[in-house]
Structures are given as C-alpha cells and as structure tokens.
C-alpha atoms as a PDB file:
ATOM      1  CA  MET A   1       0.031  -0.011   0.052  1.00  0.00           C
ATOM      2  CA  MET A   2       1.190   3.437  -0.780  1.00  0.00           C
ATOM      3  CA  HIS A   3       1.835   5.798   2.138  1.00  0.00           C
ATOM      4  CA  VAL A   4       2.179   9.482   1.764  1.00  0.00           C
ATOM      5  CA  SER A   5       4.530  10.811   4.551  1.00  0.00           C
ATOM      6  CA  ARG A   6       3.920  13.780   6.722  1.00  0.00           C
ATOM      7  CA  SER A   7       6.388  15.963   4.861  1.00  0.00           C
ATOM      8  CA  GLU A   8       4.818  15.123   1.691  1.00  0.00           C
ATOM      9  CA  ASP A   9       1.381  15.811   2.839  1.00  0.00           C
ATOM     10  CA  TYR A  10       2.467  19.043   4.269  1.00  0.00           C
ATOM     11  CA  ALA A  11       4.077  20.264   1.059  1.00  0.00           C
ATOM     12  CA  LEU A  12       0.769  19.265  -0.857  1.00  0.00           C
ATOM     13  CA  ILE A  13      -1.411  21.300   1.636  1.00  0.00           C
ATOM     14  CA  LEU A  14       1.292  24.251   1.396  1.00  0.00           C
ATOM     15  CA  VAL A  15       1.142  24.254  -2.438  1.00  0.00           C
ATOM     16  CA  GLN A  16      -2.498  23.877  -2.653  1.00  0.00           C
ATOM     17  CA  SER A  17      -3.215  26.797  -0.264  1.00  0.00           C
ATOM     18  CA  LEU A  18      -0.762  29.015  -2.350  1.00  0.00           C
ATOM     19  CA  THR A  19      -2.264  27.657  -5.549  1.00  0.00           C
ATOM     20  CA  LYS A  20      -5.615  29.008  -4.461  1.00  0.00           C
ATOM     21  CA  ALA A  21      -4.170  32.434  -3.746  1.00  0.00           C
ATOM     22  CA  TYR A  22      -2.028  32.487  -6.968  1.00  0.00           C
ATOM     23  CA  LYS A  23      -1.671  36.099  -8.064  1.00  0.00           C
ATOM     24  CA  LYS A  24      -4.046  37.193  -5.371  1.00  0.00           C
ATOM     25  CA  ARG A  25      -2.171  37.563  -2.206  1.00  0.00           C
ATOM     26  CA  LEU A  26       0.673  36.180   0.028  1.00  0.00           C
ATOM     27  CA  ILE A  27      -0.271  33.730   2.343  1.00  0.00           C
ATOM     28  CA  PRO A  28       1.410  33.564   5.795  1.00  0.00           C
ATOM     29  CA  LEU A  29       2.501  30.015   6.726  1.00  0.00           C
ATOM     30  CA  SER A  30       0.584  30.681  10.201  1.00  0.00           C
ATOM     31  CA  GLU A  31      -2.526  31.129   8.408  1.00  0.00           C
ATOM     32  CA  ILE A  32      -2.041  27.602   6.708  1.00  0.00           C
ATOM     33  CA  ALA A  33      -0.843  25.796   9.799  1.00  0.00           C
ATOM     34  CA  LYS A  34      -3.903  27.116  11.851  1.00  0.00           C
ATOM     35  CA  LYS A  35      -6.507  26.341   9.056  1.00  0.00           C
ATOM     36  CA  HIS A  36      -5.234  22.775   8.594  1.00  0.00           C
ATOM     37  CA  ASN A  37      -3.954  22.327  12.198  1.00  0.00           C
ATOM     38  CA  LEU A  38      -0.413  21.773  11.278  1.00  0.00           C
ATOM     39  CA  SER A  39       2.880  22.145  13.107  1.00  0.00           C
ATOM     40  CA  LEU A  40       4.036  25.606  12.210  1.00  0.00           C
ATOM     41  CA  LEU A  41       7.702  24.599  12.598  1.00  0.00           C
ATOM     42  CA  PHE A  42       7.410  21.492  10.423  1.00  0.00           C
ATOM     43  CA  LEU A  43       5.476  23.525   7.942  1.00  0.00           C
ATOM     44  CA  ARG A  44       8.321  26.193   7.754  1.00  0.00           C
ATOM     45  CA  ASN A  45      10.989  23.155   7.130  1.00  0.00           C
ATOM     46  CA  ILE A  46       8.818  22.084   4.248  1.00  0.00           C
ATOM     47  CA  ALA A  47       8.593  25.555   2.867  1.00  0.00           C
ATOM     48  CA  ALA A  48      12.318  26.186   3.134  1.00  0.00           C
ATOM     49  CA  SER A  49      12.691  22.862   1.050  1.00  0.00           C
ATOM     50  CA  LEU A  50      10.191  24.152  -1.584  1.00  0.00           C
ATOM     51  CA  LYS A  51      11.840  27.443  -1.722  1.00  0.00           C
ATOM     52  CA  ARG A  52      15.369  25.998  -2.203  1.00  0.00           C
ATOM     53  CA  VAL A  53      14.208  24.141  -5.412  1.00  0.00           C
ATOM     54  CA  GLY A  54      12.355  27.395  -6.626  1.00  0.00           C
ATOM     55  CA  PHE A  55       8.706  26.361  -6.192  1.00  0.00           C
ATOM     56  CA  ILE A  56       7.847  29.111  -3.698  1.00  0.00           C
ATOM     57  CA  THR A  57       9.292  32.248  -2.401  1.00  0.00           C
ATOM     58  CA  ALA A  58       8.691  34.292   0.696  1.00  0.00           C
ATOM     59  CA  ILE A  59       8.423  37.952   1.275  1.00  0.00           C
ATOM     60  CA  GLU A  60       9.477  39.101   4.956  1.00  0.00           C
ATOM     61  CA  GLY A  61       7.565  41.547   7.033  1.00  0.00           C
ATOM     62  CA  ARG A  62       4.231  42.371   8.531  1.00  0.00           C
ATOM     63  CA  LYS A  63       2.456  42.161   5.328  1.00  0.00           C
ATOM     64  CA  GLY A  64       4.581  39.403   4.055  1.00  0.00           C
ATOM     65  CA  GLY A  65       4.051  35.505   3.293  1.00  0.00           C
ATOM     66  CA  TYR A  66       4.540  32.922   0.656  1.00  0.00           C
ATOM     67  CA  LYS A  67       3.550  32.793  -2.828  1.00  0.00           C
ATOM     68  CA  LEU A  68       4.204  30.453  -5.819  1.00  0.00           C
ATOM     69  CA  LEU A  69       6.833  31.328  -8.309  1.00  0.00           C
ATOM     70  CA  LYS A  70       5.247  29.581 -11.243  1.00  0.00           C
ATOM     71  CA  ASP A  71       1.813  29.168 -12.618  1.00  0.00           C
ATOM     72  CA  PRO A  72       0.143  25.890 -11.224  1.00  0.00           C
ATOM     73  CA  LYS A  73      -0.690  24.934 -14.501  1.00  0.00           C
ATOM     74  CA  SER A  74       3.059  24.413 -15.017  1.00  0.00           C
ATOM     75  CA  ILE A  75       3.930  22.715 -11.829  1.00  0.00           C
ATOM     76  CA  GLN A  76       3.809  18.985 -11.793  1.00  0.00           C
ATOM     77  CA  LEU A  77       2.559  17.148  -8.492  1.00  0.00           C
ATOM     78  CA  GLY A  78       5.543  14.575  -9.000  1.00  0.00           C
ATOM     79  CA  ASN A  79       7.924  17.628  -8.737  1.00  0.00           C
ATOM     80  CA  ILE A  80       6.250  18.600  -5.440  1.00  0.00           C
ATOM     81  CA  ILE A  81       6.465  15.009  -4.000  1.00  0.00           C
ATOM     82  CA  GLU A  82      10.068  14.484  -5.196  1.00  0.00           C
ATOM     83  CA  ALA A  83      10.879  17.839  -3.488  1.00  0.00           C
ATOM     84  CA  SER A  84       9.412  16.848  -0.225  1.00  0.00           C
ATOM     85  CA  SER A  85      10.065  13.122  -0.306  1.00  0.00           C
ATOM     86  CA  LYS A  86      12.953  11.459   1.547  1.00  0.00           C
ATOM     87  CA  LYS A  87      12.124   7.969   0.287  1.00  0.00           C
ATOM     88  CA  THR A  88      11.046   6.010  -2.427  1.00  0.00           C
ATOM     89  CA  PHE A  89       7.278   4.871  -2.547  1.00  0.00           C
ATOM     90  CA  LEU A  90       7.637   1.128  -2.933  1.00  0.00           C
ATOM     91  CA  SER A  91      10.719  -0.693  -1.920  1.00  0.00           C
ATOM     92  CA  CYS A  92      12.415  -4.058  -2.073  1.00  0.00           C
ATOM     93  CA  CYS A  93      10.997  -6.988  -0.221  1.00  0.00           C
ATOM     94  CA  GLN A  94      14.086  -7.707   1.877  1.00  0.00           C
ATOM     95  CA  LYS A  95      16.688  -5.369   2.795  1.00  0.00           C
ATOM     96  CA  THR A  96      20.103  -6.197   4.308  1.00  0.00           C
ATOM     97  CA  LYS A  97      21.257  -4.946   7.922  1.00  0.00           C
ATOM     98  CA  ASP A  98      22.486  -1.670   6.550  1.00  0.00           C
ATOM     99  CA  GLY A  99      19.148  -0.977   4.534  1.00  0.00           C
ATOM    100  CA  LYS A 100      20.126  -1.806   1.194  1.00  0.00           C
ATOM    101  CA  CYS A 101      17.893  -3.676  -1.213  1.00  0.00           C
ATOM    102  CA  GLN A 102      18.739  -7.425  -1.852  1.00  0.00           C
ATOM    103  CA  ALA A 103      17.878  -7.021  -5.414  1.00  0.00           C
ATOM    104  CA  LYS A 104      19.491 -10.326  -6.484  1.00  0.00           C
ATOM    105  CA  THR A 105      17.381 -12.385  -3.966  1.00  0.00           C
ATOM    106  CA  CYS A 106      14.174 -10.461  -4.005  1.00  0.00           C
ATOM    107  CA  PRO A 107      11.743 -12.301  -6.253  1.00  0.00           C
ATOM    108  CA  HIS A 108       9.510  -9.464  -6.885  1.00  0.00           C
ATOM    109  CA  GLY A 109      11.947  -6.370  -6.298  1.00  0.00           C
ATOM    110  CA  PHE A 110      11.723  -5.915 -10.072  1.00  0.00           C
ATOM    111  CA  SER A 111       8.105  -5.764 -10.283  1.00  0.00           C
ATOM    112  CA  LEU A 112       7.981  -3.438  -7.259  1.00  0.00           C
ATOM    113  CA  ARG A 113      10.341  -1.014  -8.863  1.00  0.00           C
ATOM    114  CA  ARG A 114       8.501  -1.010 -12.177  1.00  0.00           C
ATOM    115  CA  LEU A 115       5.185  -0.390 -10.450  1.00  0.00           C
ATOM    116  CA  GLN A 116       6.993   2.418  -8.720  1.00  0.00           C
ATOM    117  CA  ASN A 117       8.300   3.966 -11.965  1.00  0.00           C
ATOM    118  CA  GLN A 118       4.804   3.738 -13.501  1.00  0.00           C
ATOM    119  CA  PHE A 119       3.224   5.543 -10.574  1.00  0.00           C
ATOM    120  CA  LEU A 120       5.740   8.310 -10.787  1.00  0.00           C
ATOM    121  CA  GLU A 121       5.391   8.704 -14.415  1.00  0.00           C
ATOM    122  CA  GLN A 122       1.444   9.196 -13.798  1.00  0.00           C
ATOM    123  CA  ILE A 123       2.155  11.731 -10.902  1.00  0.00           C
ATOM    124  CA  TYR A 124       4.384  13.601 -13.282  1.00  0.00           C
ATOM    125  CA  HIS A 125       1.528  14.148 -15.471  1.00  0.00           C
ATOM    126  CA  ILE A 126      -0.815  15.865 -12.895  1.00  0.00           C
ATOM    127  CA  LYS A 127      -0.670  19.591 -12.588  1.00  0.00           C
ATOM    128  CA  LEU A 128      -1.087  21.440  -9.511  1.00  0.00           C
ATOM    129  CA  SER A 129      -4.039  23.353 -10.851  1.00  0.00           C
ATOM    130  CA  GLU A 130      -5.705  19.948 -11.517  1.00  0.00           C
ATOM    131  CA  ILE A 131      -5.753  18.815  -7.636  1.00  0.00           C
ATOM    132  CA  THR A 132      -6.688  22.149  -6.492  1.00  0.00           C
ATOM    133  CA  LYS A 133      -9.816  22.361  -8.529  1.00  0.00           C
ATOM    134  CA  ASN A 134     -11.617  20.153  -6.210  1.00  0.00           C
ATOM    135  CA  ALA A 135     -10.055  20.931  -2.927  1.00  0.00           C
END
C-alpha cells in the first residue's frame, strides 16, 4: 500500500493553499498551519525545501507571506512530492542490515520498482491546478 509521508502531505497542503491564492495575495505560513491544524515549525521546514528548489518564495515583513513562483498549470505534482520526499514509495521486499535492497535475491523487487516507475510517471502528468480544482 502506498503511504504519503507527513512531509509530502504538508508540502501538498502548502502548495494547494498557495495555488488557491495565486496572483491574489501572499499567504502567511501561520494561516495555513492554523487552518489545517499543522505544526508551524514543520511547515516552515517544508516551505524552506520548496523554496530551495524554486517552487515558492517568501517575502518578509508584516504584510509578508509565501507565494508560488510559477503558474500552477506548469507545476507537476510529481515535482512537489519529489522535492519533499525522503524515500521511495515502493521498496524491495527484503533489506540487508544496512538497509540496502537485496535485488538479486528479492523475487518481486523488479516488479515493485517497475510499479513505482509507472506511478511516478503518472503523477508527473498531474498539474497542481488539477488537484486544487476539487480541494
């Protein structure tokens, strides 16, 4: 079963919030954290990651906040998940003591990796604007 990590979830909530306000206003992280009952500190870390890779920017000050740098129609969901993810979605069935996949002895590792690649290919075709329509 696929599992969305906390950091991926926060990243998606953050960019969805910024997508709804695209070209309208800056959004303070505190507003997003309060509305969605999220940890502000953790949300700041996620925002810093997305800022480093160029998806969002921040403007300091009393009237400051965050905004998307690109049109939501040009940002792919896969890029957001990739920027906020620390792991792969599907992993090998067995791992060595040091956490490496035992690809040579794993009977279905190839299939899992192929499924993961297909999944990643699909989410790279979904635009931010599409997931925000129904949110």
